[in-house]
C-alpha atoms as a PDB file:
ATOM      1  CA  UNK A   1      17.066 -19.100 -29.617  1.00  0.00           C
ATOM      2  CA  UNK A   2      15.778 -16.394 -31.982  1.00  0.00           C
ATOM      3  CA  UNK A   3      13.536 -14.770 -29.371  1.00  0.00           C
ATOM      4  CA  UNK A   4      16.325 -13.552 -27.035  1.00  0.00           C
ATOM      5  CA  UNK A   5      17.994 -11.916 -30.061  1.00  0.00           C
ATOM      6  CA  UNK A   6      14.720 -10.199 -30.963  1.00  0.00           C
ATOM      7  CA  UNK A   7      14.378  -9.086 -27.335  1.00  0.00           C
ATOM      8  CA  UNK A   8      17.947  -7.717 -27.400  1.00  0.00           C
ATOM      9  CA  UNK A   9      17.188  -5.809 -30.600  1.00  0.00           C
ATOM     10  CA  UNK A  10      14.023  -4.387 -29.075  1.00  0.00           C
ATOM     11  CA  UNK A  11      15.952  -3.266 -25.989  1.00  0.00           C
ATOM     12  CA  UNK A  12      18.682  -1.729 -28.162  1.00  0.00           C
ATOM     13  CA  UNK A  13      15.976   0.380 -29.850  1.00  0.00           C
ATOM     14  CA  UNK A  14      15.041   2.114 -26.599  1.00  0.00           C
ATOM     15  CA  UNK A  15      16.585   5.469 -25.720  1.00  0.00           C
ATOM     16  CA  UNK A  16      19.621   5.284 -23.394  1.00  0.00           C
ATOM     17  CA  UNK A  17      17.639   6.763 -20.474  1.00  0.00           C
ATOM     18  CA  UNK A  18      14.949   4.085 -20.986  1.00  0.00           C
ATOM     19  CA  UNK A  19      17.593   1.351 -21.072  1.00  0.00           C
ATOM     20  CA  UNK A  20      19.174   2.650 -17.879  1.00  0.00           C
ATOM     21  CA  UNK A  21      15.817   2.912 -16.112  1.00  0.00           C
ATOM     22  CA  UNK A  22      14.799  -0.598 -17.195  1.00  0.00           C
ATOM     23  CA  UNK A  23      18.082  -2.100 -15.943  1.00  0.00           C
ATOM     24  CA  UNK A  24      17.844  -0.209 -12.644  1.00  0.00           C
ATOM     25  CA  UNK A  25      14.191  -1.222 -12.248  1.00  0.00           C
ATOM     26  CA  UNK A  26      15.028  -4.877 -12.844  1.00  0.00           C
ATOM     27  CA  UNK A  27      17.822  -4.685 -10.271  1.00  0.00           C
ATOM     28  CA  UNK A  28      15.340  -3.280  -7.746  1.00  0.00           C
ATOM     29  CA  UNK A  29      12.271  -5.312  -8.700  1.00  0.00           C
ATOM     30  CA  UNK A  30      14.065  -8.644  -8.991  1.00  0.00           C
ATOM     31  CA  UNK A  31      16.458  -7.956  -6.084  1.00  0.00           C
ATOM     32  CA  UNK A  32      19.450  -8.603  -8.337  1.00  0.00           C
ATOM     33  CA  UNK A  33      21.850  -6.201  -6.620  1.00  0.00           C
ATOM     34  CA  UNK A  34      22.135  -3.217  -4.310  1.00  0.00           C
ATOM     35  CA  UNK A  35      20.730  -0.464  -6.518  1.00  0.00           C
ATOM     36  CA  UNK A  36      22.147   2.297  -4.314  1.00  0.00           C
ATOM     37  CA  UNK A  37      25.711   1.109  -4.900  1.00  0.00           C
ATOM     38  CA  UNK A  38      25.233   0.431  -8.585  1.00  0.00           C
ATOM     39  CA  UNK A  39      22.947   3.271  -9.706  1.00  0.00           C
ATOM     40  CA  UNK A  40      23.134   6.019  -7.098  1.00  0.00           C
ATOM     41  CA  UNK A  41      25.259   8.784  -8.579  1.00  0.00           C
ATOM     42  CA  UNK A  42      23.817  11.611  -6.483  1.00  0.00           C
ATOM     43  CA  UNK A  43      21.646  12.232  -3.446  1.00  0.00           C
ATOM     44  CA  UNK A  44      18.679  12.951  -5.747  1.00  0.00           C
ATOM     45  CA  UNK A  45      19.178   9.615  -7.486  1.00  0.00           C
ATOM     46  CA  UNK A  46      19.478   7.819  -4.137  1.00  0.00           C
ATOM     47  CA  UNK A  47      16.169   9.398  -3.117  1.00  0.00           C
ATOM     48  CA  UNK A  48      14.577   8.203  -6.385  1.00  0.00           C
ATOM     49  CA  UNK A  49      15.946   4.690  -5.815  1.00  0.00           C
ATOM     50  CA  UNK A  50      14.570   4.668  -2.264  1.00  0.00           C
ATOM     51  CA  UNK A  51      11.151   5.714  -3.578  1.00  0.00           C
ATOM     52  CA  UNK A  52      11.316   2.967  -6.204  1.00  0.00           C
ATOM     53  CA  UNK A  53      12.131   0.308  -3.597  1.00  0.00           C
ATOM     54  CA  UNK A  54       9.026   1.431  -1.692  1.00  0.00           C
ATOM     55  CA  UNK A  55       6.860   1.499  -4.839  1.00  0.00           C
ATOM     56  CA  UNK A  56       8.054  -1.980  -5.845  1.00  0.00           C
ATOM     57  CA  UNK A  57       7.516  -3.630  -2.449  1.00  0.00           C
ATOM     58  CA  UNK A  58       4.257  -5.199  -3.688  1.00  0.00           C
ATOM     59  CA  UNK A  59       5.786  -6.839  -6.780  1.00  0.00           C
ATOM     60  CA  UNK A  60       6.198 -10.259  -5.158  1.00  0.00           C
ATOM     61  CA  UNK A  61       2.576 -10.277  -3.989  1.00  0.00           C
ATOM     62  CA  UNK A  62       1.454  -8.945  -7.369  1.00  0.00           C
ATOM     63  CA  UNK A  63       3.066 -11.907  -9.164  1.00  0.00           C
ATOM     64  CA  UNK A  64       0.833 -14.210  -7.111  1.00  0.00           C
ATOM     65  CA  UNK A  65      -2.275 -12.092  -7.834  1.00  0.00           C
ATOM     66  CA  UNK A  66      -2.170 -12.298 -11.637  1.00  0.00           C
ATOM     67  CA  UNK A  67      -5.690 -13.473 -12.482  1.00  0.00           C
ATOM     68  CA  UNK A  68      -6.208 -16.639 -14.437  1.00  0.00           C
ATOM     69  CA  UNK A  69      -8.858 -16.691 -17.120  1.00  0.00           C
ATOM     70  CA  UNK A  70     -12.323 -17.045 -15.652  1.00  0.00           C
ATOM     71  CA  UNK A  71     -11.604 -15.278 -12.335  1.00  0.00           C
ATOM     72  CA  UNK A  72     -13.021 -11.762 -12.853  1.00  0.00           C
ATOM     73  CA  UNK A  73     -13.249 -11.112  -9.105  1.00  0.00           C
ATOM     74  CA  UNK A  74      -9.453 -11.047  -8.850  1.00  0.00           C
ATOM     75  CA  UNK A  75      -8.999  -8.372 -11.529  1.00  0.00           C
ATOM     76  CA  UNK A  76      -9.901  -5.395  -9.330  1.00  0.00           C
ATOM     77  CA  UNK A  77      -7.328  -6.154  -6.649  1.00  0.00           C
ATOM     78  CA  UNK A  78      -4.650  -7.028  -9.196  1.00  0.00           C
ATOM     79  CA  UNK A  79      -5.177  -4.091 -11.557  1.00  0.00           C
ATOM     80  CA  UNK A  80      -5.388  -1.576  -8.725  1.00  0.00           C
ATOM     81  CA  UNK A  81      -1.929  -2.561  -7.461  1.00  0.00           C
ATOM     82  CA  UNK A  82      -0.506  -2.835 -10.975  1.00  0.00           C
ATOM     83  CA  UNK A  83      -1.778   0.625 -11.974  1.00  0.00           C
ATOM     84  CA  UNK A  84      -0.317   2.125  -8.791  1.00  0.00           C
ATOM     85  CA  UNK A  85       3.150   0.727  -9.540  1.00  0.00           C
ATOM     86  CA  UNK A  86       2.862   1.569 -13.256  1.00  0.00           C
ATOM     87  CA  UNK A  87       1.893   5.161 -12.408  1.00  0.00           C
ATOM     88  CA  UNK A  88       5.008   5.440 -10.268  1.00  0.00           C
ATOM     89  CA  UNK A  89       7.196   4.309 -13.179  1.00  0.00           C
ATOM     90  CA  UNK A  90       5.497   6.581 -15.708  1.00  0.00           C
ATOM     91  CA  UNK A  91       5.722   9.583 -13.360  1.00  0.00           C
ATOM     92  CA  UNK A  92       9.519   9.200 -13.410  1.00  0.00           C
ATOM     93  CA  UNK A  93       9.415  10.208 -17.110  1.00  0.00           C
ATOM     94  CA  UNK A  94      12.049   7.652 -18.048  1.00  0.00           C
ATOM     95  CA  UNK A  95       9.772   5.315 -20.043  1.00  0.00           C
ATOM     96  CA  UNK A  96       8.529   7.025 -23.201  1.00  0.00           C
ATOM     97  CA  UNK A  97       6.417   4.301 -24.799  1.00  0.00           C
ATOM     98  CA  UNK A  98       4.203   1.312 -24.251  1.00  0.00           C
ATOM     99  CA  UNK A  99       6.948  -0.874 -25.751  1.00  0.00           C
ATOM    100  CA  UNK A 100       9.451   0.103 -23.042  1.00  0.00           C
ATOM    101  CA  UNK A 101       6.750  -0.270 -20.359  1.00  0.00           C
ATOM    102  CA  UNK A 102       5.753  -3.719 -21.662  1.00  0.00           C
ATOM    103  CA  UNK A 103       9.404  -4.804 -21.901  1.00  0.00           C
ATOM    104  CA  UNK A 104       9.984  -3.879 -18.250  1.00  0.00           C
ATOM    105  CA  UNK A 105       6.778  -5.344 -16.830  1.00  0.00           C
ATOM    106  CA  UNK A 106       7.056  -8.652 -18.710  1.00  0.00           C
ATOM    107  CA  UNK A 107      10.319  -9.112 -16.872  1.00  0.00           C
ATOM    108  CA  UNK A 108       9.168  -7.818 -13.496  1.00  0.00           C
ATOM    109  CA  UNK A 109       5.985  -9.922 -13.430  1.00  0.00           C
ATOM    110  CA  UNK A 110       6.338 -12.645 -16.083  1.00  0.00           C
ATOM    111  CA  UNK A 111       4.534 -13.584 -19.271  1.00  0.00           C
ATOM    112  CA  UNK A 112       1.154 -14.090 -17.569  1.00  0.00           C
ATOM    113  CA  UNK A 113       0.845 -10.310 -17.058  1.00  0.00           C
ATOM    114  CA  UNK A 114       0.785  -9.540 -20.807  1.00  0.00           C
ATOM    115  CA  UNK A 115      -3.018  -9.444 -21.231  1.00  0.00           C
ATOM    116  CA  UNK A 116      -3.286  -6.799 -18.490  1.00  0.00           C
ATOM    117  CA  UNK A 117      -0.477  -4.496 -19.598  1.00  0.00           C
ATOM    118  CA  UNK A 118      -2.428  -2.375 -22.142  1.00  0.00           C
ATOM    119  CA  UNK A 119      -5.153  -1.646 -19.572  1.00  0.00           C
ATOM    120  CA  UNK A 120      -2.666  -0.844 -16.795  1.00  0.00           C
ATOM    121  CA  UNK A 121      -0.616   1.350 -19.133  1.00  0.00           C
ATOM    122  CA  UNK A 122      -3.667   3.290 -20.322  1.00  0.00           C
ATOM    123  CA  UNK A 123      -4.980   3.755 -16.789  1.00  0.00           C
ATOM    124  CA  UNK A 124      -1.621   4.889 -15.397  1.00  0.00           C
ATOM    125  CA  UNK A 125      -0.909   7.140 -18.410  1.00  0.00           C
ATOM    126  CA  UNK A 126      -4.274   8.858 -18.076  1.00  0.00           C
ATOM    127  CA  UNK A 127      -3.870   9.781 -14.408  1.00  0.00           C
ATOM    128  CA  UNK A 128      -3.639  13.484 -13.528  1.00  0.00           C
ATOM    129  CA  UNK A 129      -0.138  12.991 -12.078  1.00  0.00           C
ATOM    130  CA  UNK A 130       1.120  12.609 -15.655  1.00  0.00           C
ATOM    131  CA  UNK A 131       1.651  15.948 -17.408  1.00  0.00           C
ATOM    132  CA  UNK A 132      -0.924  16.426 -20.247  1.00  0.00           C
ATOM    133  CA  UNK A 133       1.630  16.543 -23.088  1.00  0.00           C
ATOM    134  CA  UNK A 134       3.368  13.441 -21.718  1.00  0.00           C
ATOM    135  CA  UNK A 135       0.005  11.726 -21.230  1.00  0.00           C
ATOM    136  CA  UNK A 136      -0.759  12.302 -24.912  1.00  0.00           C
ATOM    137  CA  UNK A 137       2.643  10.975 -26.005  1.00  0.00           C
ATOM    138  CA  UNK A 138       2.317   7.857 -23.834  1.00  0.00           C
ATOM    139  CA  UNK A 139      -1.222   7.020 -24.919  1.00  0.00           C
ATOM    140  CA  UNK A 140      -0.338   7.520 -28.589  1.00  0.00           C
ATOM    141  CA  UNK A 141       2.531   5.042 -28.205  1.00  0.00           C
ATOM    142  CA  UNK A 142       0.080   2.184 -27.614  1.00  0.00           C
ATOM    143  CA  UNK A 143      -0.541   0.700 -31.037  1.00  0.00           C
ATOM    144  CA  UNK A 144      -3.952  -0.533 -32.078  1.00  0.00           C
ATOM    145  CA  UNK A 145      -2.453  -4.001 -32.507  1.00  0.00           C
ATOM    146  CA  UNK A 146      -1.194  -4.045 -28.909  1.00  0.00           C
ATOM    147  CA  UNK A 147      -4.470  -2.664 -27.562  1.00  0.00           C
ATOM    148  CA  UNK A 148      -6.658  -5.153 -29.423  1.00  0.00           C
ATOM    149  CA  UNK A 149      -4.477  -8.272 -29.476  1.00  0.00           C
ATOM    150  CA  UNK A 150      -6.622 -11.411 -29.689  1.00  0.00           C
ATOM    151  CA  UNK A 151      -4.100 -13.369 -27.621  1.00  0.00           C
ATOM    152  CA  UNK A 152      -0.726 -13.180 -25.908  1.00  0.00           C
ATOM    153  CA  UNK A 153       2.305 -15.393 -25.866  1.00  0.00           C
ATOM    154  CA  UNK A 154       2.841 -17.375 -22.691  1.00  0.00           C
ATOM    155  CA  UNK A 155       6.561 -17.644 -23.438  1.00  0.00           C
ATOM    156  CA  UNK A 156       8.636 -16.099 -20.651  1.00  0.00           C
ATOM    157  CA  UNK A 157      11.141 -13.413 -21.619  1.00  0.00           C
ATOM    158  CA  UNK A 158      14.628 -14.760 -22.283  1.00  0.00           C
ATOM    159  CA  UNK A 159      16.676 -11.569 -22.151  1.00  0.00           C
ATOM    160  CA  UNK A 160      17.087  -9.604 -18.929  1.00  0.00           C
ATOM    161  CA  UNK A 161      19.413  -6.651 -19.515  1.00  0.00           C
ATOM    162  CA  UNK A 162      21.989  -6.000 -16.831  1.00  0.00           C
ATOM    163  CA  UNK A 163      24.377  -3.269 -15.824  1.00  0.00           C
ATOM    164  CA  UNK A 164      27.729  -3.476 -17.561  1.00  0.00           C
ATOM    165  CA  UNK A 165      30.590  -1.543 -16.039  1.00  0.00           C
ATOM    166  CA  UNK A 166      32.684   0.430 -18.542  1.00  0.00           C
ATOM    167  CA  UNK A 167      35.690  -1.538 -17.315  1.00  0.00           C
ATOM    168  CA  UNK A 168      33.921  -4.879 -17.996  1.00  0.00           C
ATOM    169  CA  UNK A 169      32.850  -3.799 -21.481  1.00  0.00           C
ATOM    170  CA  UNK A 170      36.417  -2.954 -22.560  1.00  0.00           C
END
């Protein structure tokens, strides 16, 4: 029971724009609700949501592609798709750190993706589509411990943040 509380604390430590983007991304990526109705406050935001639905269309297939240890031939296909989706998210400039990226992707793809997240984050962060100063900030957010972890937990995330209407919160 302690892990969901730790996950809630971690989420609470993210900037409000990161929290909002993570919740919206989970609604889109996990098909939890109609993101246009819940998150679309303007035409520009509706356009961004539409683009995110398109970018996330491979998530279901990607969950099935996560390589198991000892299958190096599967890594190329998996990482290519993962980096493409990760680059989309990082280009939105709503996730400012590896921690927020990891938090989102553990929930979108499950615990088995953890070993591949540092590589996907570095690859997506280093792409030319990311502004140089942002690229530097993102890459510096990846701690040495996260980059060189000797192993990863196989425990699935327990906390999936959701939209809370102001009326519901009162």
